């Protein structure tokens, strides 16, 4: 999984540090999608697995309990709602910065 490409970002969010109680994974391909899509979500053991896979693929983790809680309501495979665009844009900017890229690249 190539997550360094500026056109493809996947990230995980979790509510609590230890143990993670909930995690959400998002995928965004700016040339193919209008908005990021929820690709995985789950509590406890599923959250652990999401974070494990993220770690195995060097996918950045972003910790925001409120945002993770809101994203937990989005069905898997659905784009995030417009009300969350700004909050998720900040997360995407964070992940682009980690990769030394600009969000406009």
PDB file of N, CA and C in Angstrom:
ATOM      1  N   UNK A   1       0.832  -1.160   0.000  1.00  0.00           N
ATOM      2  CA  UNK A   1       0.000   0.000   0.000  1.00  0.00           C
ATOM      3  C   UNK A   1       0.884   1.232   0.000  1.00  0.00           C
ATOM      4  N   UNK A   2       0.771   2.045  -1.034  1.00  0.00           N
ATOM      5  CA  UNK A   2       1.584   3.246  -1.135  1.00  0.00           C
ATOM      6  C   UNK A   2       0.806   4.426  -0.592  1.00  0.00           C
ATOM      7  N   UNK A   3       1.208   4.909   0.567  1.00  0.00           N
ATOM      8  CA  UNK A   3       0.506   6.026   1.201  1.00  0.00           C
ATOM      9  C   UNK A   3       1.316   7.304   1.140  1.00  0.00           C
ATOM     10  N   UNK A   4       2.417   7.306   0.397  1.00  0.00           N
ATOM     11  CA  UNK A   4       3.225   8.503   0.292  1.00  0.00           C
ATOM     12  C   UNK A   4       2.798   9.351  -0.893  1.00  0.00           C
ATOM     13  N   UNK A   5       2.024   8.798  -1.805  1.00  0.00           N
ATOM     14  CA  UNK A   5       1.534   9.523  -2.959  1.00  0.00           C
ATOM     15  C   UNK A   5       0.553  10.595  -2.492  1.00  0.00           C
ATOM     16  N   UNK A   6       0.744  11.815  -2.941  1.00  0.00           N
ATOM     17  CA  UNK A   6      -0.100  12.929  -2.505  1.00  0.00           C
ATOM     18  C   UNK A   6      -1.544  12.755  -2.930  1.00  0.00           C
ATOM     19  N   UNK A   7      -1.813  11.875  -3.870  1.00  0.00           N
ATOM     20  CA  UNK A   7      -3.176  11.654  -4.340  1.00  0.00           C
ATOM     21  C   UNK A   7      -3.869  10.518  -3.599  1.00  0.00           C
ATOM     22  N   UNK A   8      -3.181   9.914  -2.664  1.00  0.00           N
ATOM     23  CA  UNK A   8      -3.753   8.775  -1.942  1.00  0.00           C
ATOM     24  C   UNK A   8      -3.304   8.816  -0.489  1.00  0.00           C
ATOM     25  N   UNK A   9      -4.232   9.104   0.395  1.00  0.00           N
ATOM     26  CA  UNK A   9      -3.909   9.184   1.821  1.00  0.00           C
ATOM     27  C   UNK A   9      -4.886   8.305   2.581  1.00  0.00           C
ATOM     28  N   UNK A  10      -4.358   7.505   3.465  1.00  0.00           N
ATOM     29  CA  UNK A  10      -5.184   6.719   4.362  1.00  0.00           C
ATOM     30  C   UNK A  10      -4.724   7.031   5.769  1.00  0.00           C
ATOM     31  N   UNK A  11      -5.652   7.159   6.682  1.00  0.00           N
ATOM     32  CA  UNK A  11      -5.267   7.456   8.048  1.00  0.00           C
ATOM     33  C   UNK A  11      -6.220   6.797   9.024  1.00  0.00           C
ATOM     34  N   UNK A  12      -5.783   6.715  10.248  1.00  0.00           N
ATOM     35  CA  UNK A  12      -6.612   6.143  11.300  1.00  0.00           C
ATOM     36  C   UNK A  12      -6.790   7.165  12.402  1.00  0.00           C
ATOM     37  N   UNK A  13      -7.942   7.141  12.993  1.00  0.00           N
ATOM     38  CA  UNK A  13      -8.215   8.001  14.133  1.00  0.00           C
ATOM     39  C   UNK A  13      -8.660   7.113  15.271  1.00  0.00           C
ATOM     40  N   UNK A  14      -8.275   7.449  16.466  1.00  0.00           N
ATOM     41  CA  UNK A  14      -8.730   6.652  17.592  1.00  0.00           C
ATOM     42  C   UNK A  14      -9.141   7.551  18.736  1.00  0.00           C
ATOM     43  N   UNK A  15     -10.023   7.039  19.568  1.00  0.00           N
ATOM     44  CA  UNK A  15     -10.563   7.839  20.647  1.00  0.00           C
ATOM     45  C   UNK A  15      -9.630   7.892  21.845  1.00  0.00           C
ATOM     46  N   UNK A  16      -9.061   6.794  22.235  1.00  0.00           N
ATOM     47  CA  UNK A  16      -8.218   6.785  23.426  1.00  0.00           C
ATOM     48  C   UNK A  16      -6.858   6.183  23.112  1.00  0.00           C
ATOM     49  N   UNK A  17      -5.840   6.660  23.826  1.00  0.00           N
ATOM     50  CA  UNK A  17      -4.484   6.144  23.632  1.00  0.00           C
ATOM     51  C   UNK A  17      -4.385   4.655  23.946  1.00  0.00           C
ATOM     52  N   UNK A  18      -4.688   4.254  25.165  1.00  0.00           N
ATOM     53  CA  UNK A  18      -4.504   2.864  25.572  1.00  0.00           C
ATOM     54  C   UNK A  18      -5.648   2.439  26.449  1.00  0.00           C
ATOM     55  N   UNK A  19      -6.331   1.401  26.155  1.00  0.00           N
ATOM     56  CA  UNK A  19      -6.344   0.761  24.841  1.00  0.00           C
ATOM     57  C   UNK A  19      -7.208   1.580  23.888  1.00  0.00           C
ATOM     58  N   UNK A  20      -6.984   1.435  22.594  1.00  0.00           N
ATOM     59  CA  UNK A  20      -7.853   2.171  21.677  1.00  0.00           C
ATOM     60  C   UNK A  20      -9.267   1.620  21.802  1.00  0.00           C
ATOM     61  N   UNK A  21     -10.223   2.491  21.993  1.00  0.00           N
ATOM     62  CA  UNK A  21     -11.595   2.025  22.104  1.00  0.00           C
ATOM     63  C   UNK A  21     -12.309   2.065  20.769  1.00  0.00           C
ATOM     64  N   UNK A  22     -11.843   2.915  19.871  1.00  0.00           N
ATOM     65  CA  UNK A  22     -12.474   3.003  18.551  1.00  0.00           C
ATOM     66  C   UNK A  22     -11.468   3.577  17.565  1.00  0.00           C
ATOM     67  N   UNK A  23     -11.466   3.061  16.370  1.00  0.00           N
ATOM     68  CA  UNK A  23     -10.595   3.587  15.314  1.00  0.00           C
ATOM     69  C   UNK A  23     -11.386   3.675  14.013  1.00  0.00           C
ATOM     70  N   UNK A  24     -11.024   4.644  13.199  1.00  0.00           N
ATOM     71  CA  UNK A  24     -11.647   4.854  11.897  1.00  0.00           C
ATOM     72  C   UNK A  24     -10.530   5.046  10.881  1.00  0.00           C
ATOM     73  N   UNK A  25     -10.634   4.384   9.751  1.00  0.00           N
ATOM     74  CA  UNK A  25      -9.662   4.559   8.664  1.00  0.00           C
ATOM     75  C   UNK A  25     -10.355   5.272   7.509  1.00  0.00           C
ATOM     76  N   UNK A  26      -9.648   6.218   6.916  1.00  0.00           N
ATOM     77  CA  UNK A  26     -10.163   6.970   5.780  1.00  0.00           C
ATOM     78  C   UNK A  26      -9.230   6.830   4.596  1.00  0.00           C
ATOM     79  N   UNK A  27      -9.792   6.916   3.424  1.00  0.00           N
ATOM     80  CA  UNK A  27      -9.006   6.907   2.191  1.00  0.00           C
ATOM     81  C   UNK A  27      -9.474   8.085   1.340  1.00  0.00           C
ATOM     82  N   UNK A  28      -8.497   8.782   0.755  1.00  0.00           N
ATOM     83  CA  UNK A  28      -8.837   9.909  -0.108  1.00  0.00           C
ATOM     84  C   UNK A  28      -7.919   9.933  -1.314  1.00  0.00           C
ATOM     85  N   UNK A  29      -8.510   9.858  -2.480  1.00  0.00           N
ATOM     86  CA  UNK A  29      -7.782  10.000  -3.741  1.00  0.00           C
ATOM     87  C   UNK A  29      -8.366  11.229  -4.428  1.00  0.00           C
ATOM     88  N   UNK A  30      -7.663  12.347  -4.306  1.00  0.00           N
ATOM     89  CA  UNK A  30      -8.247  13.620  -4.717  1.00  0.00           C
ATOM     90  C   UNK A  30      -8.605  13.701  -6.193  1.00  0.00           C
ATOM     91  N   UNK A  31      -7.958  12.929  -7.043  1.00  0.00           N
ATOM     92  CA  UNK A  31      -8.293  12.955  -8.466  1.00  0.00           C
ATOM     93  C   UNK A  31      -9.443  12.012  -8.812  1.00  0.00           C
ATOM     94  N   UNK A  32      -9.846  11.178  -7.854  1.00  0.00           N
ATOM     95  CA  UNK A  32     -10.882  10.182  -8.118  1.00  0.00           C
ATOM     96  C   UNK A  32     -12.128  10.338  -7.251  1.00  0.00           C
ATOM     97  N   UNK A  33     -11.996  11.034  -6.128  1.00  0.00           N
ATOM     98  CA  UNK A  33     -13.089  11.130  -5.174  1.00  0.00           C
ATOM     99  C   UNK A  33     -13.405  12.578  -4.863  1.00  0.00           C
ATOM    100  N   UNK A  34     -14.668  12.850  -4.568  1.00  0.00           N
ATOM    101  CA  UNK A  34     -15.058  14.190  -4.134  1.00  0.00           C
ATOM    102  C   UNK A  34     -14.694  14.430  -2.681  1.00  0.00           C
ATOM    103  N   UNK A  35     -14.694  13.364  -1.880  1.00  0.00           N
ATOM    104  CA  UNK A  35     -14.420  13.479  -0.444  1.00  0.00           C
ATOM    105  C   UNK A  35     -13.813  12.170   0.045  1.00  0.00           C
ATOM    106  N   UNK A  36     -13.134  12.205   1.192  1.00  0.00           N
ATOM    107  CA  UNK A  36     -12.600  10.969   1.767  1.00  0.00           C
ATOM    108  C   UNK A  36     -13.720   9.964   2.071  1.00  0.00           C
ATOM    109  N   UNK A  37     -13.347   8.694   2.032  1.00  0.00           N
ATOM    110  CA  UNK A  37     -14.286   7.595   2.258  1.00  0.00           C
ATOM    111  C   UNK A  37     -13.853   6.830   3.508  1.00  0.00           C
ATOM    112  N   UNK A  38     -14.821   6.424   4.309  1.00  0.00           N
ATOM    113  CA  UNK A  38     -14.535   5.568   5.463  1.00  0.00           C
ATOM    114  C   UNK A  38     -14.277   4.157   4.931  1.00  0.00           C
ATOM    115  N   UNK A  39     -13.091   3.627   5.195  1.00  0.00           N
ATOM    116  CA  UNK A  39     -12.736   2.298   4.684  1.00  0.00           C
ATOM    117  C   UNK A  39     -12.772   1.222   5.755  1.00  0.00           C
ATOM    118  N   UNK A  40     -12.702   1.616   7.008  1.00  0.00           N
ATOM    119  CA  UNK A  40     -12.772   0.655   8.117  1.00  0.00           C
ATOM    120  C   UNK A  40     -13.101   1.417   9.387  1.00  0.00           C
ATOM    121  N   UNK A  41     -13.770   0.735  10.294  1.00  0.00           N
ATOM    122  CA  UNK A  41     -14.041   1.329  11.601  1.00  0.00           C
ATOM    123  C   UNK A  41     -14.390   0.210  12.555  1.00  0.00           C
ATOM    124  N   UNK A  42     -14.119   0.435  13.817  1.00  0.00           N
ATOM    125  CA  UNK A  42     -14.474  -0.583  14.783  1.00  0.00           C
ATOM    126  C   UNK A  42     -13.982  -0.259  16.168  1.00  0.00           C
ATOM    127  N   UNK A  43     -14.498  -1.038  17.118  1.00  0.00           N
ATOM    128  CA  UNK A  43     -14.173  -0.854  18.527  1.00  0.00           C
ATOM    129  C   UNK A  43     -13.262  -1.974  19.014  1.00  0.00           C
ATOM    130  N   UNK A  44     -12.565  -1.697  20.081  1.00  0.00           N
ATOM    131  CA  UNK A  44     -11.724  -2.621  20.834  1.00  0.00           C
ATOM    132  C   UNK A  44     -10.805  -3.457  19.936  1.00  0.00           C
ATOM    133  N   UNK A  45     -11.076  -4.751  19.762  1.00  0.00           N
ATOM    134  CA  UNK A  45     -10.171  -5.612  18.991  1.00  0.00           C
ATOM    135  C   UNK A  45     -10.094  -5.182  17.524  1.00  0.00           C
ATOM    136  N   UNK A  46     -11.216  -4.744  16.975  1.00  0.00           N
ATOM    137  CA  UNK A  46     -11.202  -4.264  15.588  1.00  0.00           C
ATOM    138  C   UNK A  46     -10.365  -2.986  15.507  1.00  0.00           C
ATOM    139  N   UNK A  47     -10.504  -2.118  16.495  1.00  0.00           N
ATOM    140  CA  UNK A  47      -9.683  -0.901  16.539  1.00  0.00           C
ATOM    141  C   UNK A  47      -8.204  -1.261  16.605  1.00  0.00           C
ATOM    142  N   UNK A  48      -7.874  -2.248  17.435  1.00  0.00           N
ATOM    143  CA  UNK A  48      -6.483  -2.712  17.516  1.00  0.00           C
ATOM    144  C   UNK A  48      -5.982  -3.169  16.147  1.00  0.00           C
ATOM    145  N   UNK A  49      -6.814  -3.918  15.430  1.00  0.00           N
ATOM    146  CA  UNK A  49      -6.425  -4.438  14.115  1.00  0.00           C
ATOM    147  C   UNK A  49      -6.242  -3.300  13.101  1.00  0.00           C
ATOM    148  N   UNK A  50      -7.146  -2.329  13.127  1.00  0.00           N
ATOM    149  CA  UNK A  50      -7.026  -1.174  12.224  1.00  0.00           C
ATOM    150  C   UNK A  50      -5.700  -0.454  12.476  1.00  0.00           C
ATOM    151  N   UNK A  51      -5.376  -0.251  13.747  1.00  0.00           N
ATOM    152  CA  UNK A  51      -4.130   0.440  14.087  1.00  0.00           C
ATOM    153  C   UNK A  51      -2.913  -0.400  13.738  1.00  0.00           C
ATOM    154  N   UNK A  52      -3.018  -1.721  13.876  1.00  0.00           N
ATOM    155  CA  UNK A  52      -1.921  -2.614  13.509  1.00  0.00           C
ATOM    156  C   UNK A  52      -1.650  -2.530  12.006  1.00  0.00           C
ATOM    157  N   UNK A  53      -2.697  -2.606  11.207  1.00  0.00           N
ATOM    158  CA  UNK A  53      -2.546  -2.518   9.749  1.00  0.00           C
ATOM    159  C   UNK A  53      -1.978  -1.151   9.359  1.00  0.00           C
ATOM    160  N   UNK A  54      -2.461  -0.098  10.002  1.00  0.00           N
ATOM    161  CA  UNK A  54      -1.930   1.245   9.720  1.00  0.00           C
ATOM    162  C   UNK A  54      -0.433   1.289  10.003  1.00  0.00           C
ATOM    163  N   UNK A  55      -0.027   0.711  11.122  1.00  0.00           N
ATOM    164  CA  UNK A  55       1.394   0.686  11.467  1.00  0.00           C
ATOM    165  C   UNK A  55       2.224  -0.113  10.482  1.00  0.00           C
ATOM    166  N   UNK A  56       1.687  -1.243  10.022  1.00  0.00           N
ATOM    167  CA  UNK A  56       2.403  -2.090   9.066  1.00  0.00           C
ATOM    168  C   UNK A  56       2.607  -1.391   7.729  1.00  0.00           C
ATOM    169  N   UNK A  57       1.745  -0.434   7.402  1.00  0.00           N
ATOM    170  CA  UNK A  57       1.823   0.263   6.118  1.00  0.00           C
ATOM    171  C   UNK A  57       2.278   1.710   6.262  1.00  0.00           C
ATOM    172  N   UNK A  58       2.838   2.043   7.443  1.00  0.00           N
ATOM    173  CA  UNK A  58       3.323   3.400   7.697  1.00  0.00           C
ATOM    174  C   UNK A  58       2.265   4.461   7.434  1.00  0.00           C
ATOM    175  N   UNK A  59       1.040   4.155   7.807  1.00  0.00           N
ATOM    176  CA  UNK A  59      -0.064   5.100   7.664  1.00  0.00           C
ATOM    177  C   UNK A  59      -0.088   5.977   8.910  1.00  0.00           C
ATOM    178  N   UNK A  60      -0.077   7.289   8.731  1.00  0.00           N
ATOM    179  CA  UNK A  60      -0.062   8.186   9.890  1.00  0.00           C
ATOM    180  C   UNK A  60      -1.310   8.011  10.759  1.00  0.00           C
ATOM    181  N   UNK A  61      -1.120   8.147  12.063  1.00  0.00           N
ATOM    182  CA  UNK A  61      -2.226   8.120  13.008  1.00  0.00           C
ATOM    183  C   UNK A  61      -2.480   9.530  13.492  1.00  0.00           C
ATOM    184  N   UNK A  62      -3.722   9.868  13.575  1.00  0.00           N
ATOM    185  CA  UNK A  62      -4.128  11.184  14.061  1.00  0.00           C
ATOM    186  C   UNK A  62      -5.122  10.953  15.177  1.00  0.00           C
ATOM    187  N   UNK A  63      -4.892  11.545  16.331  1.00  0.00           N
ATOM    188  CA  UNK A  63      -5.714  11.288  17.512  1.00  0.00           C
ATOM    189  C   UNK A  63      -6.667  12.449  17.762  1.00  0.00           C
ATOM    190  N   UNK A  64      -7.946  12.191  17.573  1.00  0.00           N
ATOM    191  CA  UNK A  64      -8.969  13.207  17.815  1.00  0.00           C
ATOM    192  C   UNK A  64     -10.255  12.486  18.197  1.00  0.00           C
ATOM    193  N   UNK A  65     -10.539  12.441  19.484  1.00  0.00           N
ATOM    194  CA  UNK A  65     -11.680  11.684  19.993  1.00  0.00           C
ATOM    195  C   UNK A  65     -13.007  12.165  19.419  1.00  0.00           C
ATOM    196  N   UNK A  66     -13.180  13.469  19.353  1.00  0.00           N
ATOM    197  CA  UNK A  66     -14.453  13.999  18.855  1.00  0.00           C
ATOM    198  C   UNK A  66     -14.658  13.664  17.383  1.00  0.00           C
ATOM    199  N   UNK A  67     -13.617  13.850  16.574  1.00  0.00           N
ATOM    200  CA  UNK A  67     -13.732  13.546  15.152  1.00  0.00           C
ATOM    201  C   UNK A  67     -13.941  12.058  14.927  1.00  0.00           C
ATOM    202  N   UNK A  68     -13.219  11.223  15.658  1.00  0.00           N
ATOM    203  CA  UNK A  68     -13.400   9.774  15.525  1.00  0.00           C
ATOM    204  C   UNK A  68     -14.824   9.383  15.875  1.00  0.00           C
ATOM    205  N   UNK A  69     -15.376   9.995  16.901  1.00  0.00           N
ATOM    206  CA  UNK A  69     -16.750   9.706  17.295  1.00  0.00           C
ATOM    207  C   UNK A  69     -17.730  10.089  16.183  1.00  0.00           C
ATOM    208  N   UNK A  70     -17.531  11.250  15.573  1.00  0.00           N
ATOM    209  CA  UNK A  70     -18.408  11.681  14.481  1.00  0.00           C
ATOM    210  C   UNK A  70     -18.264  10.771  13.264  1.00  0.00           C
ATOM    211  N   UNK A  71     -17.025  10.408  12.943  1.00  0.00           N
ATOM    212  CA  UNK A  71     -16.796   9.528  11.790  1.00  0.00           C
ATOM    213  C   UNK A  71     -17.318   8.119  12.027  1.00  0.00           C
ATOM    214  N   UNK A  72     -17.441   7.720  13.273  1.00  0.00           N
ATOM    215  CA  UNK A  72     -17.947   6.381  13.574  1.00  0.00           C
ATOM    216  C   UNK A  72     -19.383   6.205  13.110  1.00  0.00           C
ATOM    217  N   UNK A  73     -20.077   7.308  12.876  1.00  0.00           N
ATOM    218  CA  UNK A  73     -21.471   7.260  12.432  1.00  0.00           C
ATOM    219  C   UNK A  73     -21.604   7.134  10.916  1.00  0.00           C
ATOM    220  N   UNK A  74     -20.496   7.269  10.193  1.00  0.00           N
ATOM    221  CA  UNK A  74     -20.516   7.178   8.728  1.00  0.00           C
ATOM    222  C   UNK A  74     -20.359   5.713   8.334  1.00  0.00           C
ATOM    223  N   UNK A  75     -21.258   5.192   7.497  1.00  0.00           N
ATOM    224  CA  UNK A  75     -21.134   3.788   7.073  1.00  0.00           C
ATOM    225  C   UNK A  75     -19.843   3.542   6.283  1.00  0.00           C
ATOM    226  N   UNK A  76     -19.290   2.356   6.424  1.00  0.00           N
ATOM    227  CA  UNK A  76     -18.108   1.960   5.649  1.00  0.00           C
ATOM    228  C   UNK A  76     -18.450   2.032   4.168  1.00  0.00           C
ATOM    229  N   UNK A  77     -17.556   2.642   3.410  1.00  0.00           N
ATOM    230  CA  UNK A  77     -17.754   2.797   1.970  1.00  0.00           C
ATOM    231  C   UNK A  77     -18.377   4.119   1.576  1.00  0.00           C
ATOM    232  N   UNK A  78     -18.879   4.868   2.551  1.00  0.00           N
ATOM    233  CA  UNK A  78     -19.492   6.171   2.276  1.00  0.00           C
ATOM    234  C   UNK A  78     -18.471   7.291   2.399  1.00  0.00           C
ATOM    235  N   UNK A  79     -18.702   8.346   1.610  1.00  0.00           N
ATOM    236  CA  UNK A  79     -17.901   9.549   1.756  1.00  0.00           C
ATOM    237  C   UNK A  79     -18.285  10.237   3.054  1.00  0.00           C
ATOM    238  N   UNK A  80     -17.335  10.971   3.606  1.00  0.00           N
ATOM    239  CA  UNK A  80     -17.636  11.721   4.830  1.00  0.00           C
ATOM    240  C   UNK A  80     -18.669  12.797   4.499  1.00  0.00           C
ATOM    241  N   UNK A  81     -19.496  13.179   5.462  1.00  0.00           N
ATOM    242  CA  UNK A  81     -20.474  14.245   5.206  1.00  0.00           C
ATOM    243  C   UNK A  81     -19.799  15.604   5.091  1.00  0.00           C
ATOM    244  N   UNK A  82     -20.442  16.483   4.358  1.00  0.00           N
ATOM    245  CA  UNK A  82     -19.895  17.822   4.117  1.00  0.00           C
ATOM    246  C   UNK A  82     -19.593  18.565   5.418  1.00  0.00           C
ATOM    247  N   UNK A  83     -20.359  18.302   6.463  1.00  0.00           N
ATOM    248  CA  UNK A  83     -20.149  18.978   7.737  1.00  0.00           C
ATOM    249  C   UNK A  83     -18.770  18.663   8.338  1.00  0.00           C
ATOM    250  N   UNK A  84     -18.144  17.572   7.911  1.00  0.00           N
ATOM    251  CA  UNK A  84     -16.846  17.175   8.454  1.00  0.00           C
ATOM    252  C   UNK A  84     -15.676  17.513   7.530  1.00  0.00           C
ATOM    253  N   UNK A  85     -15.952  18.151   6.395  1.00  0.00           N
ATOM    254  CA  UNK A  85     -14.892  18.457   5.433  1.00  0.00           C
ATOM    255  C   UNK A  85     -13.739  19.238   6.066  1.00  0.00           C
ATOM    256  N   UNK A  86     -14.041  20.300   6.790  1.00  0.00           N
ATOM    257  CA  UNK A  86     -12.979  21.144   7.348  1.00  0.00           C
ATOM    258  C   UNK A  86     -12.124  20.360   8.342  1.00  0.00           C
ATOM    259  N   UNK A  87     -12.759  19.627   9.235  1.00  0.00           N
ATOM    260  CA  UNK A  87     -12.012  18.864  10.241  1.00  0.00           C
ATOM    261  C   UNK A  87     -11.135  17.809   9.576  1.00  0.00           C
ATOM    262  N   UNK A  88     -11.668  17.114   8.580  1.00  0.00           N
ATOM    263  CA  UNK A  88     -10.885  16.075   7.904  1.00  0.00           C
ATOM    264  C   UNK A  88      -9.814  16.707   7.024  1.00  0.00           C
ATOM    265  N   UNK A  89     -10.074  17.883   6.466  1.00  0.00           N
ATOM    266  CA  UNK A  89      -9.051  18.589   5.675  1.00  0.00           C
ATOM    267  C   UNK A  89      -7.834  18.902   6.540  1.00  0.00           C
ATOM    268  N   UNK A  90      -8.065  19.249   7.806  1.00  0.00           N
ATOM    269  CA  UNK A  90      -6.951  19.497   8.715  1.00  0.00           C
ATOM    270  C   UNK A  90      -6.142  18.228   8.952  1.00  0.00           C
ATOM    271  N   UNK A  91      -6.834  17.088   9.036  1.00  0.00           N
ATOM    272  CA  UNK A  91      -6.138  15.806   9.203  1.00  0.00           C
ATOM    273  C   UNK A  91      -5.336  15.483   7.950  1.00  0.00           C
ATOM    274  N   UNK A  92      -5.934  15.693   6.786  1.00  0.00           N
ATOM    275  CA  UNK A  92      -5.216  15.434   5.535  1.00  0.00           C
ATOM    276  C   UNK A  92      -3.989  16.335   5.417  1.00  0.00           C
ATOM    277  N   UNK A  93      -4.130  17.595   5.786  1.00  0.00           N
ATOM    278  CA  UNK A  93      -2.980  18.514   5.751  1.00  0.00           C
ATOM    279  C   UNK A  93      -1.875  18.002   6.674  1.00  0.00           C
ATOM    280  N   UNK A  94      -2.238  17.490   7.832  1.00  0.00           N
ATOM    281  CA  UNK A  94      -1.279  16.902   8.771  1.00  0.00           C
ATOM    282  C   UNK A  94      -0.534  15.740   8.116  1.00  0.00           C
ATOM    283  N   UNK A  95      -1.265  14.841   7.448  1.00  0.00           N
ATOM    284  CA  UNK A  95      -0.621  13.674   6.845  1.00  0.00           C
ATOM    285  C   UNK A  95       0.254  14.069   5.657  1.00  0.00           C
ATOM    286  N   UNK A  96      -0.184  15.054   4.877  1.00  0.00           N
ATOM    287  CA  UNK A  96       0.648  15.530   3.775  1.00  0.00           C
ATOM    288  C   UNK A  96       1.939  16.124   4.328  1.00  0.00           C
ATOM    289  N   UNK A  97       1.835  16.908   5.401  1.00  0.00           N
ATOM    290  CA  UNK A  97       3.024  17.525   6.000  1.00  0.00           C
ATOM    291  C   UNK A  97       3.981  16.459   6.510  1.00  0.00           C
ATOM    292  N   UNK A  98       3.459  15.385   7.075  1.00  0.00           N
ATOM    293  CA  UNK A  98       4.319  14.300   7.540  1.00  0.00           C
ATOM    294  C   UNK A  98       5.126  13.685   6.397  1.00  0.00           C
ATOM    295  N   UNK A  99       4.515  13.690   5.212  1.00  0.00           N
ATOM    296  CA  UNK A  99       5.174  13.139   4.036  1.00  0.00           C
ATOM    297  C   UNK A  99       5.966  14.195   3.259  1.00  0.00           C
ATOM    298  N   UNK A 100       6.052  15.414   3.827  1.00  0.00           N
ATOM    299  CA  UNK A 100       6.816  16.478   3.179  1.00  0.00           C
ATOM    300  C   UNK A 100       6.192  16.990   1.904  1.00  0.00           C
ATOM    301  N   UNK A 101       4.871  16.923   1.821  1.00  0.00           N
ATOM    302  CA  UNK A 101       4.177  17.353   0.611  1.00  0.00           C
ATOM    303  C   UNK A 101       3.174  18.451   0.934  1.00  0.00           C
ATOM    304  N   UNK A 102       2.744  19.127  -0.102  1.00  0.00           N
ATOM    305  CA  UNK A 102       1.696  20.125   0.010  1.00  0.00           C
ATOM    306  C   UNK A 102       0.381  19.487  -0.392  1.00  0.00           C
ATOM    307  N   UNK A 103      -0.712  19.919   0.201  1.00  0.00           N
ATOM    308  CA  UNK A 103      -2.015  19.340  -0.127  1.00  0.00           C
ATOM    309  C   UNK A 103      -2.426  19.670  -1.551  1.00  0.00           C
ATOM    310  N   UNK A 104      -1.779  20.663  -2.173  1.00  0.00           N
ATOM    311  CA  UNK A 104      -2.105  21.030  -3.556  1.00  0.00           C
ATOM    312  C   UNK A 104      -1.310  20.221  -4.571  1.00  0.00           C
ATOM    313  N   UNK A 105      -0.343  19.418  -4.105  1.00  0.00           N
ATOM    314  CA  UNK A 105       0.470  18.615  -5.043  1.00  0.00           C
ATOM    315  C   UNK A 105      -0.343  17.469  -5.594  1.00  0.00           C
TER     316      UNK A 105
END
